Amino acid sequence: MKLVTAVIKPFKLDEVREALAAVGVQGITVTEVKGFGRQKGHTEVYRGAEYEVNFLPKIKIEAAIDDAQLSPALEAIEKSANTGKIGDGKIFVTGLEQVIRIRTGETGSDAL
């Protein structure tokens, strides 16, 4: 089992959610976050005053995924979040030692 964490542009959330559902991912957690990478923010003008925006709004999606679903899920995220422009985001994959469904006590893949 793996924990997939994807940081994407906010307007791509619905596309990514639909793509993950299409490949059988049943649950995701979404968090609004701010950050920067190579984009390094940008400058904006508000009421005639220019200011620098260092941290850009992003969406962090987390999903616990069974090993058999990992490749299709990663491909779904990559294709649906891609705009071809800087700041599209990143996908991180980490191992999960154990998953427990609190309501039923199921463990491992059964808990997903």
C-alpha atoms as a PDB file:
ATOM      1  CA  MET A   1       0.000   0.000   0.000  1.00  0.00           C
ATOM      2  CA  LYS A   2       1.134   3.502  -0.789  1.00  0.00           C
ATOM      3  CA  LEU A   3       0.189   7.001   0.263  1.00  0.00           C
ATOM      4  CA  VAL A   4       0.005   9.216  -2.813  1.00  0.00           C
ATOM      5  CA  THR A   5       0.247  12.947  -2.176  1.00  0.00           C
ATOM      6  CA  ALA A   6      -0.307  15.268  -5.125  1.00  0.00           C
ATOM      7  CA  VAL A   7       0.044  19.041  -5.030  1.00  0.00           C
ATOM      8  CA  ILE A   8      -1.865  20.565  -7.948  1.00  0.00           C
ATOM      9  CA  LYS A   9      -3.376  23.793  -9.230  1.00  0.00           C
ATOM     10  CA  PRO A  10      -6.759  24.495  -7.593  1.00  0.00           C
ATOM     11  CA  PHE A  11      -8.803  24.610 -10.809  1.00  0.00           C
ATOM     12  CA  LYS A  12      -7.672  21.051 -11.677  1.00  0.00           C
ATOM     13  CA  LEU A  13      -9.239  19.462  -8.581  1.00  0.00           C
ATOM     14  CA  ASP A  14     -12.470  18.265 -10.212  1.00  0.00           C
ATOM     15  CA  GLU A  15     -10.631  16.755 -13.174  1.00  0.00           C
ATOM     16  CA  VAL A  16      -8.215  14.892 -10.895  1.00  0.00           C
ATOM     17  CA  ARG A  17     -11.033  13.663  -8.636  1.00  0.00           C
ATOM     18  CA  GLU A  18     -12.983  12.336 -11.639  1.00  0.00           C
ATOM     19  CA  ALA A  19      -9.879  10.679 -13.100  1.00  0.00           C
ATOM     20  CA  LEU A  20      -9.104   8.937  -9.800  1.00  0.00           C
ATOM     21  CA  ALA A  21     -12.703   7.762  -9.450  1.00  0.00           C
ATOM     22  CA  ALA A  22     -12.539   6.370 -12.994  1.00  0.00           C
ATOM     23  CA  VAL A  23      -9.561   4.149 -12.089  1.00  0.00           C
ATOM     24  CA  GLY A  24     -11.215   2.900  -8.891  1.00  0.00           C
ATOM     25  CA  VAL A  25      -9.728   5.098  -6.156  1.00  0.00           C
ATOM     26  CA  GLN A  26     -12.526   5.272  -3.596  1.00  0.00           C
ATOM     27  CA  GLY A  27     -11.418   7.950  -1.165  1.00  0.00           C
ATOM     28  CA  ILE A  28      -9.261  11.045  -1.152  1.00  0.00           C
ATOM     29  CA  THR A  29      -8.461  13.815   1.305  1.00  0.00           C
ATOM     30  CA  VAL A  30      -8.171  17.374  -0.026  1.00  0.00           C
ATOM     31  CA  THR A  31      -6.433  20.277   1.702  1.00  0.00           C
ATOM     32  CA  GLU A  32      -6.005  23.866   0.561  1.00  0.00           C
ATOM     33  CA  VAL A  33      -2.319  24.754   0.880  1.00  0.00           C
ATOM     34  CA  LYS A  34       0.109  27.461  -0.221  1.00  0.00           C
ATOM     35  CA  GLY A  35       3.610  27.041  -1.555  1.00  0.00           C
ATOM     36  CA  PHE A  36       6.059  27.608  -4.355  1.00  0.00           C
ATOM     37  CA  GLY A  37       8.624  25.710  -6.369  1.00  0.00           C
ATOM     38  CA  ARG A  38      10.354  26.883  -9.504  1.00  0.00           C
ATOM     39  CA  GLN A  39       7.483  29.309 -10.000  1.00  0.00           C
ATOM     40  CA  LYS A  40       8.733  31.352  -7.019  1.00  0.00           C
ATOM     41  CA  GLY A  41       5.556  33.420  -6.770  1.00  0.00           C
ATOM     42  CA  HIS A  42       4.713  36.516  -8.780  1.00  0.00           C
ATOM     43  CA  THR A  43       3.895  40.205  -8.431  1.00  0.00           C
ATOM     44  CA  GLU A  44       0.396  41.669  -8.493  1.00  0.00           C
ATOM     45  CA  VAL A  45      -1.040  45.165  -8.483  1.00  0.00           C
ATOM     46  CA  TYR A  46      -3.848  46.029  -6.057  1.00  0.00           C
ATOM     47  CA  ARG A  47      -5.268  49.567  -5.998  1.00  0.00           C
ATOM     48  CA  GLY A  48      -2.165  50.919  -7.652  1.00  0.00           C
ATOM     49  CA  ALA A  49       0.264  49.283  -5.227  1.00  0.00           C
ATOM     50  CA  GLU A  50       2.496  46.487  -6.473  1.00  0.00           C
ATOM     51  CA  TYR A  51       3.158  43.625  -4.099  1.00  0.00           C
ATOM     52  CA  GLU A  52       4.849  40.272  -4.278  1.00  0.00           C
ATOM     53  CA  VAL A  53       2.951  37.013  -3.779  1.00  0.00           C
ATOM     54  CA  ASN A  54       5.525  34.489  -2.553  1.00  0.00           C
ATOM     55  CA  PHE A  55       3.210  31.592  -1.778  1.00  0.00           C
ATOM     56  CA  LEU A  56       0.725  30.492  -4.418  1.00  0.00           C
ATOM     57  CA  PRO A  57      -2.546  28.708  -3.614  1.00  0.00           C
ATOM     58  CA  LYS A  58      -2.419  24.980  -4.314  1.00  0.00           C
ATOM     59  CA  ILE A  59      -4.485  21.889  -3.522  1.00  0.00           C
ATOM     60  CA  LYS A  60      -2.987  18.866  -1.775  1.00  0.00           C
ATOM     61  CA  ILE A  61      -4.679  15.553  -2.505  1.00  0.00           C
ATOM     62  CA  GLU A  62      -3.883  12.478  -0.416  1.00  0.00           C
ATOM     63  CA  ALA A  63      -5.033   8.955  -1.176  1.00  0.00           C
ATOM     64  CA  ALA A  64      -4.134   5.571   0.270  1.00  0.00           C
ATOM     65  CA  ILE A  65      -3.818   3.261  -2.718  1.00  0.00           C
ATOM     66  CA  ASP A  66      -3.344  -0.479  -3.058  1.00  0.00           C
ATOM     67  CA  ASP A  67      -0.206  -1.495  -4.969  1.00  0.00           C
ATOM     68  CA  ALA A  68      -2.280  -2.919  -7.843  1.00  0.00           C
ATOM     69  CA  GLN A  69      -3.964   0.462  -8.422  1.00  0.00           C
ATOM     70  CA  LEU A  70      -0.822   2.576  -8.055  1.00  0.00           C
ATOM     71  CA  SER A  71       0.266   2.904 -11.697  1.00  0.00           C
ATOM     72  CA  PRO A  72      -3.217   3.742 -13.044  1.00  0.00           C
ATOM     73  CA  ALA A  73      -3.762   6.233 -10.224  1.00  0.00           C
ATOM     74  CA  LEU A  74      -0.445   8.001 -10.825  1.00  0.00           C
ATOM     75  CA  GLU A  75      -1.129   8.149 -14.552  1.00  0.00           C
ATOM     76  CA  ALA A  76      -4.629   9.523 -13.919  1.00  0.00           C
ATOM     77  CA  ILE A  77      -3.287  12.300 -11.680  1.00  0.00           C
ATOM     78  CA  GLU A  78      -0.461  13.163 -14.066  1.00  0.00           C
ATOM     79  CA  LYS A  79      -2.701  13.405 -17.129  1.00  0.00           C
ATOM     80  CA  SER A  80      -5.597  15.243 -15.489  1.00  0.00           C
ATOM     81  CA  ALA A  81      -3.472  17.797 -13.588  1.00  0.00           C
ATOM     82  CA  ASN A  82      -1.216  18.639 -16.519  1.00  0.00           C
ATOM     83  CA  THR A  83      -1.551  22.066 -18.150  1.00  0.00           C
ATOM     84  CA  GLY A  84       1.929  22.078 -19.655  1.00  0.00           C
ATOM     85  CA  LYS A  85       2.824  25.255 -17.794  1.00  0.00           C
ATOM     86  CA  ILE A  86       5.114  25.883 -14.847  1.00  0.00           C
ATOM     87  CA  GLY A  87       3.477  25.230 -11.461  1.00  0.00           C
ATOM     88  CA  ASP A  88       1.467  22.143 -12.422  1.00  0.00           C
ATOM     89  CA  GLY A  89       2.595  20.479  -9.196  1.00  0.00           C
ATOM     90  CA  LYS A  90       4.201  17.315  -7.915  1.00  0.00           C
ATOM     91  CA  ILE A  91       3.233  13.774  -6.949  1.00  0.00           C
ATOM     92  CA  PHE A  92       4.860  12.063  -3.961  1.00  0.00           C
ATOM     93  CA  VAL A  93       4.550   8.324  -3.229  1.00  0.00           C
ATOM     94  CA  THR A  94       5.369   6.953   0.217  1.00  0.00           C
ATOM     95  CA  GLY A  95       4.930   3.517   1.722  1.00  0.00           C
ATOM     96  CA  LEU A  96       2.174   2.702   4.210  1.00  0.00           C
ATOM     97  CA  GLU A  97       2.968   0.129   6.854  1.00  0.00           C
ATOM     98  CA  GLN A  98      -0.592  -0.375   8.015  1.00  0.00           C
ATOM     99  CA  VAL A  99      -4.111   0.929   7.444  1.00  0.00           C
ATOM    100  CA  ILE A 100      -6.965   0.357   9.893  1.00  0.00           C
ATOM    101  CA  ARG A 101     -10.622   1.200   9.298  1.00  0.00           C
ATOM    102  CA  ILE A 102     -11.786   2.517  12.640  1.00  0.00           C
ATOM    103  CA  ARG A 103     -15.462   1.564  12.284  1.00  0.00           C
ATOM    104  CA  THR A 104     -14.945  -2.129  11.451  1.00  0.00           C
ATOM    105  CA  GLY A 105     -11.366  -2.814  12.564  1.00  0.00           C
ATOM    106  CA  GLU A 106     -10.443  -4.033   9.065  1.00  0.00           C
ATOM    107  CA  THR A 107      -6.738  -3.801   8.303  1.00  0.00           C
ATOM    108  CA  GLY A 108      -4.518  -3.672   5.213  1.00  0.00           C
ATOM    109  CA  SER A 109      -6.062  -3.566   1.745  1.00  0.00           C
ATOM    110  CA  ASP A 110      -9.487  -4.433   3.193  1.00  0.00           C
ATOM    111  CA  ALA A 111      -9.461  -1.114   5.048  1.00  0.00           C
ATOM    112  CA  LEU A 112      -9.043   0.882   1.844  1.00  0.00           C
END
